[in-house]
Each structure stands twice: as C-alpha cells, then as structure tokens.
C-alpha cells in the first residue's frame, strides 16, 4: 500500500537509492518498506494514513522432518496446491502435515515437508 508514496519520495529525492561509486548504476537491491520504516524515512502519520501494519511478516518455523517425509524448498511463484500436485497430494494434506497457520502464505526459501 505504500508503493506510490515511496516512489513519490524517491522522485522528490527524499529517499535515496544507493548507486555505484561512479554514480552510473543503481544498487540492484529492492527497496524494502520495513527498512525504510526502521530508518525513519516514512513518518508515522503516513503509516496511519495508509493503515499500514508495521509488524514484519513472520515466517512460520518448519516442523521437524519425519523419516517418511521429503523436503521441498519453495520457489518464487509457488503455491501450495501446485506443490501438492507435483507430489500427488492436496494442499490441505500439505497444510495439515506442515501445521501451517495460513496455507495461502508461503515464502521462497521456506521448506515444505511432503508426506510419503
């Protein structure tokens, strides 16, 4: 929700994107709104105006792997039903087996255990 605000602030020069020493290329690192908040670059009034929740997303811990489980590392664009389809499982089975609080919220790099 803060995208337009952040872009506007970058264009005004209030938020500076780091560049190379020679100034010819910008840093390829993504602009992270939580880092901008931590740096004090987004005022509290703006956060309230956009009703922005400042709590960082919590990646759920991966349950212990049982010997009969396979591991799958989530890639960008993955969703639980597609992962389930690859292993002939339903998204509900994967969600229950991994004890996911929100099966619609998985992150790249997260490990999903696949029951045999």
PDB file of N, CA and C in Angstrom:
ATOM      1  N   UNK A   1       0.803  -1.220   0.000  1.00  0.00           N
ATOM      2  CA  UNK A   1       0.000   0.000   0.000  1.00  0.00           C
ATOM      3  C   UNK A   1       0.840   1.276   0.000  1.00  0.00           C
ATOM      4  N   UNK A   2       2.102   1.181   0.362  1.00  0.00           N
ATOM      5  CA  UNK A   2       2.958   2.371   0.410  1.00  0.00           C
ATOM      6  C   UNK A   2       3.763   2.588  -0.859  1.00  0.00           C
ATOM      7  N   UNK A   3       3.556   1.765  -1.871  1.00  0.00           N
ATOM      8  CA  UNK A   3       4.361   1.834  -3.085  1.00  0.00           C
ATOM      9  C   UNK A   3       4.350   3.226  -3.713  1.00  0.00           C
ATOM     10  N   UNK A   4       3.158   3.778  -3.943  1.00  0.00           N
ATOM     11  CA  UNK A   4       3.063   5.089  -4.591  1.00  0.00           C
ATOM     12  C   UNK A   4       3.754   6.169  -3.756  1.00  0.00           C
ATOM     13  N   UNK A   5       3.576   6.104  -2.434  1.00  0.00           N
ATOM     14  CA  UNK A   5       4.223   7.072  -1.556  1.00  0.00           C
ATOM     15  C   UNK A   5       5.741   6.969  -1.670  1.00  0.00           C
ATOM     16  N   UNK A   6       6.278   5.743  -1.618  1.00  0.00           N
ATOM     17  CA  UNK A   6       7.726   5.535  -1.680  1.00  0.00           C
ATOM     18  C   UNK A   6       8.285   6.006  -3.022  1.00  0.00           C
ATOM     19  N   UNK A   7       7.597   5.683  -4.123  1.00  0.00           N
ATOM     20  CA  UNK A   7       8.050   6.126  -5.445  1.00  0.00           C
ATOM     21  C   UNK A   7       8.076   7.654  -5.511  1.00  0.00           C
ATOM     22  N   UNK A   8       7.042   8.278  -4.975  1.00  0.00           N
ATOM     23  CA  UNK A   8       6.978   9.745  -4.969  1.00  0.00           C
ATOM     24  C   UNK A   8       8.142  10.334  -4.164  1.00  0.00           C
ATOM     25  N   UNK A   9       8.445   9.742  -3.022  1.00  0.00           N
ATOM     26  CA  UNK A   9       9.544  10.227  -2.186  1.00  0.00           C
ATOM     27  C   UNK A   9      10.900  10.016  -2.858  1.00  0.00           C
ATOM     28  N   UNK A  10      11.047   8.905  -3.588  1.00  0.00           N
ATOM     29  CA  UNK A  10      12.286   8.678  -4.347  1.00  0.00           C
ATOM     30  C   UNK A  10      12.427   9.738  -5.431  1.00  0.00           C
ATOM     31  N   UNK A  11      11.326  10.000  -6.145  1.00  0.00           N
ATOM     32  CA  UNK A  11      11.363  11.006  -7.213  1.00  0.00           C
ATOM     33  C   UNK A  11      11.660  12.406  -6.674  1.00  0.00           C
ATOM     34  N   UNK A  12      11.191  12.714  -5.456  1.00  0.00           N
ATOM     35  CA  UNK A  12      11.464  14.012  -4.836  1.00  0.00           C
ATOM     36  C   UNK A  12      12.894  14.093  -4.300  1.00  0.00           C
ATOM     37  N   UNK A  13      13.555  12.930  -4.168  1.00  0.00           N
ATOM     38  CA  UNK A  13      14.902  12.905  -3.616  1.00  0.00           C
ATOM     39  C   UNK A  13      14.934  12.737  -2.113  1.00  0.00           C
ATOM     40  N   UNK A  14      13.783  12.499  -1.497  1.00  0.00           N
ATOM     41  CA  UNK A  14      13.730  12.317  -0.043  1.00  0.00           C
ATOM     42  C   UNK A  14      14.198  10.929   0.385  1.00  0.00           C
ATOM     43  N   UNK A  15      14.091   9.964  -0.508  1.00  0.00           N
ATOM     44  CA  UNK A  15      14.620   8.624  -0.283  1.00  0.00           C
ATOM     45  C   UNK A  15      15.632   8.396  -1.392  1.00  0.00           C
ATOM     46  N   UNK A  16      16.863   8.076  -1.007  1.00  0.00           N
ATOM     47  CA  UNK A  16      17.943   7.925  -1.979  1.00  0.00           C
ATOM     48  C   UNK A  16      18.247   6.449  -2.176  1.00  0.00           C
ATOM     49  N   UNK A  17      18.261   6.025  -3.432  1.00  0.00           N
ATOM     50  CA  UNK A  17      18.641   4.652  -3.766  1.00  0.00           C
ATOM     51  C   UNK A  17      20.149   4.651  -3.965  1.00  0.00           C
ATOM     52  N   UNK A  18      20.867   3.799  -3.232  1.00  0.00           N
ATOM     53  CA  UNK A  18      22.331   3.778  -3.368  1.00  0.00           C
ATOM     54  C   UNK A  18      22.756   3.474  -4.803  1.00  0.00           C
ATOM     55  N   UNK A  19      23.849   4.108  -5.221  1.00  0.00           N
ATOM     56  CA  UNK A  19      24.372   3.865  -6.563  1.00  0.00           C
ATOM     57  C   UNK A  19      25.832   3.442  -6.458  1.00  0.00           C
ATOM     58  N   UNK A  20      26.387   3.025  -7.583  1.00  0.00           N
ATOM     59  CA  UNK A  20      27.787   2.618  -7.623  1.00  0.00           C
ATOM     60  C   UNK A  20      28.671   3.829  -7.333  1.00  0.00           C
ATOM     61  N   UNK A  21      29.944   3.561  -7.046  1.00  0.00           N
ATOM     62  CA  UNK A  21      30.869   4.650  -6.714  1.00  0.00           C
ATOM     63  C   UNK A  21      30.954   5.693  -7.815  1.00  0.00           C
ATOM     64  N   UNK A  22      30.857   5.240  -9.076  1.00  0.00           N
ATOM     65  CA  UNK A  22      30.938   6.196 -10.185  1.00  0.00           C
ATOM     66  C   UNK A  22      29.579   6.846 -10.479  1.00  0.00           C
ATOM     67  N   UNK A  23      28.525   6.407  -9.768  1.00  0.00           N
ATOM     68  CA  UNK A  23      27.207   7.007  -9.919  1.00  0.00           C
ATOM     69  C   UNK A  23      26.459   6.612 -11.175  1.00  0.00           C
ATOM     70  N   UNK A  24      27.012   5.661 -11.950  1.00  0.00           N
ATOM     71  CA  UNK A  24      26.374   5.304 -13.221  1.00  0.00           C
ATOM     72  C   UNK A  24      25.275   4.260 -13.084  1.00  0.00           C
ATOM     73  N   UNK A  25      25.318   3.454 -12.032  1.00  0.00           N
ATOM     74  CA  UNK A  25      24.287   2.422 -11.905  1.00  0.00           C
ATOM     75  C   UNK A  25      23.768   2.368 -10.479  1.00  0.00           C
ATOM     76  N   UNK A  26      22.479   2.086 -10.379  1.00  0.00           N
ATOM     77  CA  UNK A  26      21.843   1.991  -9.073  1.00  0.00           C
ATOM     78  C   UNK A  26      22.032   0.611  -8.486  1.00  0.00           C
ATOM     79  N   UNK A  27      21.961   0.557  -7.178  1.00  0.00           N
ATOM     80  CA  UNK A  27      22.032  -0.702  -6.454  1.00  0.00           C
ATOM     81  C   UNK A  27      20.864  -1.583  -6.894  1.00  0.00           C
ATOM     82  N   UNK A  28      21.115  -2.848  -7.125  1.00  0.00           N
ATOM     83  CA  UNK A  28      20.071  -3.758  -7.589  1.00  0.00           C
ATOM     84  C   UNK A  28      19.196  -4.257  -6.440  1.00  0.00           C
ATOM     85  N   UNK A  29      19.529  -3.901  -5.217  1.00  0.00           N
ATOM     86  CA  UNK A  29      18.757  -4.341  -4.059  1.00  0.00           C
ATOM     87  C   UNK A  29      17.377  -3.695  -4.087  1.00  0.00           C
ATOM     88  N   UNK A  30      16.357  -4.487  -3.760  1.00  0.00           N
ATOM     89  CA  UNK A  30      14.988  -3.979  -3.737  1.00  0.00           C
ATOM     90  C   UNK A  30      14.820  -2.975  -2.595  1.00  0.00           C
ATOM     91  N   UNK A  31      13.912  -2.039  -2.791  1.00  0.00           N
ATOM     92  CA  UNK A  31      13.570  -1.095  -1.734  1.00  0.00           C
ATOM     93  C   UNK A  31      12.613  -1.822  -0.802  1.00  0.00           C
ATOM     94  N   UNK A  32      12.976  -1.897   0.481  1.00  0.00           N
ATOM     95  CA  UNK A  32      12.186  -2.624   1.461  1.00  0.00           C
ATOM     96  C   UNK A  32      11.522  -1.623   2.398  1.00  0.00           C
ATOM     97  N   UNK A  33      10.197  -1.627   2.409  1.00  0.00           N
ATOM     98  CA  UNK A  33       9.464  -0.640   3.196  1.00  0.00           C
ATOM     99  C   UNK A  33       9.763  -0.777   4.686  1.00  0.00           C
ATOM    100  N   UNK A  34       9.991  -1.991   5.162  1.00  0.00           N
ATOM    101  CA  UNK A  34      10.299  -2.169   6.582  1.00  0.00           C
ATOM    102  C   UNK A  34      11.647  -1.541   6.941  1.00  0.00           C
ATOM    103  N   UNK A  35      12.615  -1.632   6.025  1.00  0.00           N
ATOM    104  CA  UNK A  35      13.911  -0.988   6.258  1.00  0.00           C
ATOM    105  C   UNK A  35      13.747   0.540   6.264  1.00  0.00           C
ATOM    106  N   UNK A  36      12.901   1.049   5.364  1.00  0.00           N
ATOM    107  CA  UNK A  36      12.661   2.490   5.320  1.00  0.00           C
ATOM    108  C   UNK A  36      12.000   2.962   6.617  1.00  0.00           C
ATOM    109  N   UNK A  37      11.083   2.158   7.150  1.00  0.00           N
ATOM    110  CA  UNK A  37      10.430   2.497   8.417  1.00  0.00           C
ATOM    111  C   UNK A  37      11.469   2.500   9.538  1.00  0.00           C
ATOM    112  N   UNK A  38      12.324   1.449   9.574  1.00  0.00           N
ATOM    113  CA  UNK A  38      13.367   1.360  10.604  1.00  0.00           C
ATOM    114  C   UNK A  38      14.326   2.549  10.538  1.00  0.00           C
ATOM    115  N   UNK A  39      14.556   3.069   9.336  1.00  0.00           N
ATOM    116  CA  UNK A  39      15.463   4.204   9.147  1.00  0.00           C
ATOM    117  C   UNK A  39      14.766   5.539   9.428  1.00  0.00           C
ATOM    118  N   UNK A  40      13.465   5.496   9.702  1.00  0.00           N
ATOM    119  CA  UNK A  40      12.717   6.718   9.993  1.00  0.00           C
ATOM    120  C   UNK A  40      12.371   7.526   8.768  1.00  0.00           C
ATOM    121  N   UNK A  41      12.391   6.908   7.592  1.00  0.00           N
ATOM    122  CA  UNK A  41      12.130   7.638   6.343  1.00  0.00           C
ATOM    123  C   UNK A  41      10.642   7.696   5.986  1.00  0.00           C
ATOM    124  N   UNK A  42       9.822   6.961   6.706  1.00  0.00           N
ATOM    125  CA  UNK A  42       8.371   7.023   6.476  1.00  0.00           C
ATOM    126  C   UNK A  42       7.727   7.465   7.784  1.00  0.00           C
ATOM    127  N   UNK A  43       7.156   8.665   7.798  1.00  0.00           N
ATOM    128  CA  UNK A  43       6.584   9.201   9.034  1.00  0.00           C
ATOM    129  C   UNK A  43       5.404   8.363   9.537  1.00  0.00           C
ATOM    130  N   UNK A  44       5.235   8.383  10.840  1.00  0.00           N
ATOM    131  CA  UNK A  44       4.142   7.654  11.500  1.00  0.00           C
ATOM    132  C   UNK A  44       2.784   8.076  10.934  1.00  0.00           C
ATOM    133  N   UNK A  45       2.625   9.368  10.629  1.00  0.00           N
ATOM    134  CA  UNK A  45       1.356   9.861  10.092  1.00  0.00           C
ATOM    135  C   UNK A  45       1.026   9.201   8.756  1.00  0.00           C
ATOM    136  N   UNK A  46       2.052   8.969   7.930  1.00  0.00           N
ATOM    137  CA  UNK A  46       1.845   8.320   6.627  1.00  0.00           C
ATOM    138  C   UNK A  46       1.428   6.866   6.844  1.00  0.00           C
ATOM    139  N   UNK A  47       2.084   6.195   7.784  1.00  0.00           N
ATOM    140  CA  UNK A  47       1.733   4.802   8.079  1.00  0.00           C
ATOM    141  C   UNK A  47       0.277   4.688   8.523  1.00  0.00           C
ATOM    142  N   UNK A  48      -0.164   5.640   9.362  1.00  0.00           N
ATOM    143  CA  UNK A  48      -1.560   5.632   9.817  1.00  0.00           C
ATOM    144  C   UNK A  48      -2.509   5.938   8.665  1.00  0.00           C
ATOM    145  N   UNK A  49      -2.129   6.907   7.827  1.00  0.00           N
ATOM    146  CA  UNK A  49      -2.970   7.288   6.682  1.00  0.00           C
ATOM    147  C   UNK A  49      -3.226   6.097   5.752  1.00  0.00           C
ATOM    148  N   UNK A  50      -2.179   5.309   5.518  1.00  0.00           N
ATOM    149  CA  UNK A  50      -2.296   4.151   4.632  1.00  0.00           C
ATOM    150  C   UNK A  50      -2.716   2.887   5.384  1.00  0.00           C
ATOM    151  N   UNK A  51      -2.983   3.042   6.700  1.00  0.00           N
ATOM    152  CA  UNK A  51      -3.367   1.906   7.539  1.00  0.00           C
ATOM    153  C   UNK A  51      -2.394   0.750   7.361  1.00  0.00           C
ATOM    154  N   UNK A  52      -1.094   1.096   7.414  1.00  0.00           N
ATOM    155  CA  UNK A  52      -0.038   0.116   7.185  1.00  0.00           C
ATOM    156  C   UNK A  52       0.358  -0.543   8.487  1.00  0.00           C
ATOM    157  N   UNK A  53       0.320  -1.875   8.506  1.00  0.00           N
ATOM    158  CA  UNK A  53       0.717  -2.652   9.674  1.00  0.00           C
ATOM    159  C   UNK A  53       2.240  -2.761   9.668  1.00  0.00           C
ATOM    160  N   UNK A  54       2.882  -2.243  10.705  1.00  0.00           N
ATOM    161  CA  UNK A  54       4.351  -2.220  10.732  1.00  0.00           C
ATOM    162  C   UNK A  54       4.962  -3.524  11.228  1.00  0.00           C
ATOM    163  N   UNK A  55       4.132  -4.491  11.603  1.00  0.00           N
ATOM    164  CA  UNK A  55       4.688  -5.782  12.008  1.00  0.00           C
ATOM    165  C   UNK A  55       5.224  -6.504  10.782  1.00  0.00           C
ATOM    166  N   UNK A  56       6.483  -6.941  10.892  1.00  0.00           N
ATOM    167  CA  UNK A  56       7.099  -7.658   9.787  1.00  0.00           C
ATOM    168  C   UNK A  56       6.471  -9.039   9.673  1.00  0.00           C
ATOM    169  N   UNK A  57       6.337  -9.563   8.432  1.00  0.00           N
ATOM    170  CA  UNK A  57       5.761 -10.899   8.283  1.00  0.00           C
ATOM    171  C   UNK A  57       6.619 -11.942   8.991  1.00  0.00           C
ATOM    172  N   UNK A  58       5.957 -12.868   9.633  1.00  0.00           N
ATOM    173  CA  UNK A  58       6.660 -13.917  10.360  1.00  0.00           C
ATOM    174  C   UNK A  58       6.625 -15.188   9.524  1.00  0.00           C
ATOM    175  N   UNK A  59       7.796 -15.726   9.244  1.00  0.00           N
ATOM    176  CA  UNK A  59       7.874 -16.994   8.523  1.00  0.00           C
ATOM    177  C   UNK A  59       7.707 -18.091   9.559  1.00  0.00           C
ATOM    178  N   UNK A  60       6.717 -18.940   9.322  1.00  0.00           N
ATOM    179  CA  UNK A  60       6.435 -19.994  10.281  1.00  0.00           C
ATOM    180  C   UNK A  60       7.588 -20.989  10.316  1.00  0.00           C
ATOM    181  N   UNK A  61       7.945 -21.454  11.519  1.00  0.00           N
ATOM    182  CA  UNK A  61       9.014 -22.444  11.597  1.00  0.00           C
ATOM    183  C   UNK A  61       8.596 -23.742  10.930  1.00  0.00           C
ATOM    184  N   UNK A  62       9.554 -24.403  10.323  1.00  0.00           N
ATOM    185  CA  UNK A  62       9.287 -25.672   9.665  1.00  0.00           C
ATOM    186  C   UNK A  62       9.265 -26.767  10.720  1.00  0.00           C
ATOM    187  N   UNK A  63       8.211 -27.580  10.734  1.00  0.00           N
ATOM    188  CA  UNK A  63       8.172 -28.668  11.701  1.00  0.00           C
ATOM    189  C   UNK A  63       9.320 -29.646  11.468  1.00  0.00           C
ATOM    190  N   UNK A  64       9.637 -30.410  12.503  1.00  0.00           N
ATOM    191  CA  UNK A  64      10.695 -31.401  12.361  1.00  0.00           C
ATOM    192  C   UNK A  64      10.323 -32.397  11.274  1.00  0.00           C
ATOM    193  N   UNK A  65      11.320 -32.787  10.494  1.00  0.00           N
ATOM    194  CA  UNK A  65      11.095 -33.720   9.404  1.00  0.00           C
ATOM    195  C   UNK A  65      11.080 -35.136   9.958  1.00  0.00           C
ATOM    196  N   UNK A  66      10.045 -35.849   9.601  1.00  0.00           N
ATOM    197  CA  UNK A  66       9.993 -37.249   9.990  1.00  0.00           C
ATOM    198  C   UNK A  66      10.690 -38.060   8.912  1.00  0.00           C
ATOM    199  N   UNK A  67      11.175 -39.244   9.225  1.00  0.00           N
ATOM    200  CA  UNK A  67      11.918 -40.036   8.240  1.00  0.00           C
ATOM    201  C   UNK A  67      11.116 -40.319   6.976  1.00  0.00           C
ATOM    202  N   UNK A  68       9.785 -40.360   7.097  1.00  0.00           N
ATOM    203  CA  UNK A  68       8.997 -40.688   5.920  1.00  0.00           C
ATOM    204  C   UNK A  68       8.634 -39.458   5.078  1.00  0.00           C
ATOM    205  N   UNK A  69       9.180 -38.295   5.420  1.00  0.00           N
ATOM    206  CA  UNK A  69       8.847 -37.078   4.681  1.00  0.00           C
ATOM    207  C   UNK A  69       9.975 -36.674   3.738  1.00  0.00           C
ATOM    208  N   UNK A  70       9.576 -36.074   2.610  1.00  0.00           N
ATOM    209  CA  UNK A  70      10.528 -35.461   1.685  1.00  0.00           C
ATOM    210  C   UNK A  70      10.508 -33.965   1.959  1.00  0.00           C
ATOM    211  N   UNK A  71      11.551 -33.275   1.540  1.00  0.00           N
ATOM    212  CA  UNK A  71      11.616 -31.822   1.700  1.00  0.00           C
ATOM    213  C   UNK A  71      11.471 -31.164   0.333  1.00  0.00           C
ATOM    214  N   UNK A  72      10.740 -30.056   0.294  1.00  0.00           N
ATOM    215  CA  UNK A  72      10.628 -29.247  -0.916  1.00  0.00           C
ATOM    216  C   UNK A  72      10.889 -27.805  -0.520  1.00  0.00           C
ATOM    217  N   UNK A  73      11.780 -27.137  -1.248  1.00  0.00           N
ATOM    218  CA  UNK A  73      12.071 -25.727  -0.991  1.00  0.00           C
ATOM    219  C   UNK A  73      11.194 -24.867  -1.902  1.00  0.00           C
ATOM    220  N   UNK A  74      10.426 -23.988  -1.292  1.00  0.00           N
ATOM    221  CA  UNK A  74       9.504 -23.113  -2.020  1.00  0.00           C
ATOM    222  C   UNK A  74      10.296 -22.166  -2.915  1.00  0.00           C
ATOM    223  N   UNK A  75       9.831 -22.039  -4.157  1.00  0.00           N
ATOM    224  CA  UNK A  75      10.442 -21.137  -5.132  1.00  0.00           C
ATOM    225  C   UNK A  75       9.487 -19.968  -5.389  1.00  0.00           C
ATOM    226  N   UNK A  76       9.987 -18.840  -5.890  1.00  0.00           N
ATOM    227  CA  UNK A  76       9.093 -17.726  -6.201  1.00  0.00           C
ATOM    228  C   UNK A  76       7.986 -18.185  -7.156  1.00  0.00           C
ATOM    229  N   UNK A  77       6.770 -17.804  -6.857  1.00  0.00           N
ATOM    230  CA  UNK A  77       5.622 -18.165  -7.690  1.00  0.00           C
ATOM    231  C   UNK A  77       4.930 -19.445  -7.271  1.00  0.00           C
ATOM    232  N   UNK A  78       5.539 -20.200  -6.349  1.00  0.00           N
ATOM    233  CA  UNK A  78       4.910 -21.441  -5.877  1.00  0.00           C
ATOM    234  C   UNK A  78       3.680 -21.138  -5.038  1.00  0.00           C
ATOM    235  N   UNK A  79       2.702 -22.007  -5.147  1.00  0.00           N
ATOM    236  CA  UNK A  79       1.546 -22.005  -4.260  1.00  0.00           C
ATOM    237  C   UNK A  79       1.366 -23.443  -3.788  1.00  0.00           C
ATOM    238  N   UNK A  80       0.725 -23.605  -2.666  1.00  0.00           N
ATOM    239  CA  UNK A  80       0.657 -24.911  -2.031  1.00  0.00           C
ATOM    240  C   UNK A  80      -0.029 -25.954  -2.903  1.00  0.00           C
ATOM    241  N   UNK A  81      -1.067 -25.555  -3.644  1.00  0.00           N
ATOM    242  CA  UNK A  81      -1.763 -26.562  -4.452  1.00  0.00           C
ATOM    243  C   UNK A  81      -0.881 -27.074  -5.589  1.00  0.00           C
ATOM    244  N   UNK A  82      -0.015 -26.201  -6.148  1.00  0.00           N
ATOM    245  CA  UNK A  82       0.899 -26.647  -7.210  1.00  0.00           C
ATOM    246  C   UNK A  82       1.959 -27.598  -6.655  1.00  0.00           C
ATOM    247  N   UNK A  83       2.454 -27.274  -5.463  1.00  0.00           N
ATOM    248  CA  UNK A  83       3.431 -28.152  -4.824  1.00  0.00           C
ATOM    249  C   UNK A  83       2.787 -29.512  -4.559  1.00  0.00           C
ATOM    250  N   UNK A  84       1.566 -29.480  -4.036  1.00  0.00           N
ATOM    251  CA  UNK A  84       0.841 -30.723  -3.780  1.00  0.00           C
ATOM    252  C   UNK A  84       0.659 -31.538  -5.045  1.00  0.00           C
ATOM    253  N   UNK A  85       0.328 -30.874  -6.133  1.00  0.00           N
ATOM    254  CA  UNK A  85       0.121 -31.565  -7.410  1.00  0.00           C
ATOM    255  C   UNK A  85       1.391 -32.285  -7.865  1.00  0.00           C
ATOM    256  N   UNK A  86       2.560 -31.659  -7.624  1.00  0.00           N
ATOM    257  CA  UNK A  86       3.830 -32.282  -8.025  1.00  0.00           C
ATOM    258  C   UNK A  86       4.072 -33.600  -7.284  1.00  0.00           C
ATOM    259  N   UNK A  87       3.524 -33.699  -6.064  1.00  0.00           N
ATOM    260  CA  UNK A  87       3.769 -34.880  -5.240  1.00  0.00           C
ATOM    261  C   UNK A  87       2.507 -35.726  -5.033  1.00  0.00           C
ATOM    262  N   UNK A  88       1.475 -35.456  -5.855  1.00  0.00           N
ATOM    263  CA  UNK A  88       0.216 -36.191  -5.772  1.00  0.00           C
ATOM    264  C   UNK A  88      -0.411 -36.068  -4.382  1.00  0.00           C
ATOM    265  N   UNK A  89      -0.415 -34.853  -3.859  1.00  0.00           N
ATOM    266  CA  UNK A  89      -1.017 -34.536  -2.560  1.00  0.00           C
ATOM    267  C   UNK A  89      -1.932 -33.335  -2.737  1.00  0.00           C
ATOM    268  N   UNK A  90      -2.854 -33.143  -1.808  1.00  0.00           N
ATOM    269  CA  UNK A  90      -3.695 -31.954  -1.832  1.00  0.00           C
ATOM    270  C   UNK A  90      -3.018 -30.864  -1.014  1.00  0.00           C
ATOM    271  N   UNK A  91      -3.421 -29.630  -1.262  1.00  0.00           N
ATOM    272  CA  UNK A  91      -2.865 -28.536  -0.476  1.00  0.00           C
ATOM    273  C   UNK A  91      -3.281 -28.676   0.982  1.00  0.00           C
ATOM    274  N   UNK A  92      -4.465 -29.271   1.214  1.00  0.00           N
ATOM    275  CA  UNK A  92      -4.926 -29.473   2.586  1.00  0.00           C
ATOM    276  C   UNK A  92      -4.017 -30.456   3.331  1.00  0.00           C
ATOM    277  N   UNK A  93      -3.594 -31.532   2.632  1.00  0.00           N
ATOM    278  CA  UNK A  93      -2.688 -32.502   3.254  1.00  0.00           C
ATOM    279  C   UNK A  93      -1.358 -31.838   3.630  1.00  0.00           C
ATOM    280  N   UNK A  94      -0.828 -31.035   2.697  1.00  0.00           N
ATOM    281  CA  UNK A  94       0.442 -30.356   2.964  1.00  0.00           C
ATOM    282  C   UNK A  94       0.309 -29.356   4.107  1.00  0.00           C
ATOM    283  N   UNK A  95      -0.789 -28.622   4.112  1.00  0.00           N
ATOM    284  CA  UNK A  95      -1.013 -27.639   5.166  1.00  0.00           C
ATOM    285  C   UNK A  95      -1.095 -28.310   6.535  1.00  0.00           C
ATOM    286  N   UNK A  96      -1.851 -29.398   6.605  1.00  0.00           N
ATOM    287  CA  UNK A  96      -2.008 -30.109   7.873  1.00  0.00           C
ATOM    288  C   UNK A  96      -0.679 -30.746   8.308  1.00  0.00           C
ATOM    289  N   UNK A  97       0.023 -31.390   7.379  1.00  0.00           N
ATOM    290  CA  UNK A  97       1.275 -32.075   7.694  1.00  0.00           C
ATOM    291  C   UNK A  97       2.334 -31.093   8.186  1.00  0.00           C
ATOM    292  N   UNK A  98       2.334 -29.866   7.613  1.00  0.00           N
ATOM    293  CA  UNK A  98       3.312 -28.844   7.977  1.00  0.00           C
ATOM    294  C   UNK A  98       2.815 -27.908   9.076  1.00  0.00           C
ATOM    295  N   UNK A  99       1.584 -28.134   9.536  1.00  0.00           N
ATOM    296  CA  UNK A  99       0.983 -27.312  10.592  1.00  0.00           C
ATOM    297  C   UNK A  99       1.024 -25.820  10.234  1.00  0.00           C
ATOM    298  N   UNK A 100       0.634 -25.493   8.996  1.00  0.00           N
ATOM    299  CA  UNK A 100       0.638 -24.105   8.530  1.00  0.00           C
ATOM    300  C   UNK A 100      -0.584 -23.374   9.078  1.00  0.00           C
ATOM    301  N   UNK A 101      -0.354 -22.232   9.702  1.00  0.00           N
ATOM    302  CA  UNK A 101      -1.473 -21.430  10.211  1.00  0.00           C
ATOM    303  C   UNK A 101      -2.235 -20.794   9.061  1.00  0.00           C
ATOM    304  N   UNK A 102      -1.507 -20.351   8.028  1.00  0.00           N
ATOM    305  CA  UNK A 102      -2.139 -19.749   6.851  1.00  0.00           C
ATOM    306  C   UNK A 102      -1.558 -20.429   5.613  1.00  0.00           C
ATOM    307  N   UNK A 103      -2.264 -21.426   5.058  1.00  0.00           N
ATOM    308  CA  UNK A 103      -1.727 -22.162   3.912  1.00  0.00           C
ATOM    309  C   UNK A 103      -1.627 -21.328   2.638  1.00  0.00           C
ATOM    310  N   UNK A 104      -2.187 -20.124   2.647  1.00  0.00           N
ATOM    311  CA  UNK A 104      -2.125 -19.257   1.468  1.00  0.00           C
ATOM    312  C   UNK A 104      -0.914 -18.333   1.531  1.00  0.00           C
ATOM    313  N   UNK A 105      -0.105 -18.482   2.590  1.00  0.00           N
ATOM    314  CA  UNK A 105       1.037 -17.599   2.787  1.00  0.00           C
ATOM    315  C   UNK A 105       2.295 -18.442   2.974  1.00  0.00           C
ATOM    316  N   UNK A 106       2.984 -18.692   1.853  1.00  0.00           N
ATOM    317  CA  UNK A 106       4.265 -19.398   1.898  1.00  0.00           C
ATOM    318  C   UNK A 106       5.301 -18.503   1.234  1.00  0.00           C
ATOM    319  N   UNK A 107       6.573 -18.701   1.590  1.00  0.00           N
ATOM    320  CA  UNK A 107       7.620 -17.795   1.145  1.00  0.00           C
ATOM    321  C   UNK A 107       8.734 -18.541   0.425  1.00  0.00           C
ATOM    322  N   UNK A 108       9.343 -17.910  -0.594  1.00  0.00           N
ATOM    323  CA  UNK A 108      10.508 -18.531  -1.239  1.00  0.00           C
ATOM    324  C   UNK A 108      11.566 -18.848  -0.189  1.00  0.00           C
ATOM    325  N   UNK A 109      12.132 -20.048  -0.310  1.00  0.00           N
ATOM    326  CA  UNK A 109      13.145 -20.497   0.642  1.00  0.00           C
ATOM    327  C   UNK A 109      12.575 -21.314   1.795  1.00  0.00           C
ATOM    328  N   UNK A 110      11.265 -21.215   1.995  1.00  0.00           N
ATOM    329  CA  UNK A 110      10.626 -21.986   3.066  1.00  0.00           C
ATOM    330  C   UNK A 110      10.651 -23.471   2.690  1.00  0.00           C
ATOM    331  N   UNK A 111      10.842 -24.330   3.669  1.00  0.00           N
ATOM    332  CA  UNK A 111      10.855 -25.770   3.438  1.00  0.00           C
ATOM    333  C   UNK A 111       9.464 -26.329   3.709  1.00  0.00           C
ATOM    334  N   UNK A 112       8.927 -27.073   2.736  1.00  0.00           N
ATOM    335  CA  UNK A 112       7.647 -27.763   2.899  1.00  0.00           C
ATOM    336  C   UNK A 112       7.959 -29.245   2.957  1.00  0.00           C
ATOM    337  N   UNK A 113       7.502 -29.895   4.012  1.00  0.00           N
ATOM    338  CA  UNK A 113       7.688 -31.323   4.170  1.00  0.00           C
ATOM    339  C   UNK A 113       6.559 -32.042   3.428  1.00  0.00           C
ATOM    340  N   UNK A 114       6.917 -33.045   2.656  1.00  0.00           N
ATOM    341  CA  UNK A 114       5.954 -33.796   1.845  1.00  0.00           C
ATOM    342  C   UNK A 114       5.821 -35.199   2.450  1.00  0.00           C
ATOM    343  N   UNK A 115       4.613 -35.542   2.923  1.00  0.00           N
ATOM    344  CA  UNK A 115       4.451 -36.891   3.472  1.00  0.00           C
ATOM    345  C   UNK A 115       4.495 -37.944   2.373  1.00  0.00           C
ATOM    346  N   UNK A 116       5.013 -39.110   2.699  1.00  0.00           N
ATOM    347  CA  UNK A 116       5.030 -40.205   1.721  1.00  0.00           C
ATOM    348  C   UNK A 116       3.692 -40.904   1.707  1.00  0.00           C
TER     349      UNK A 116
END
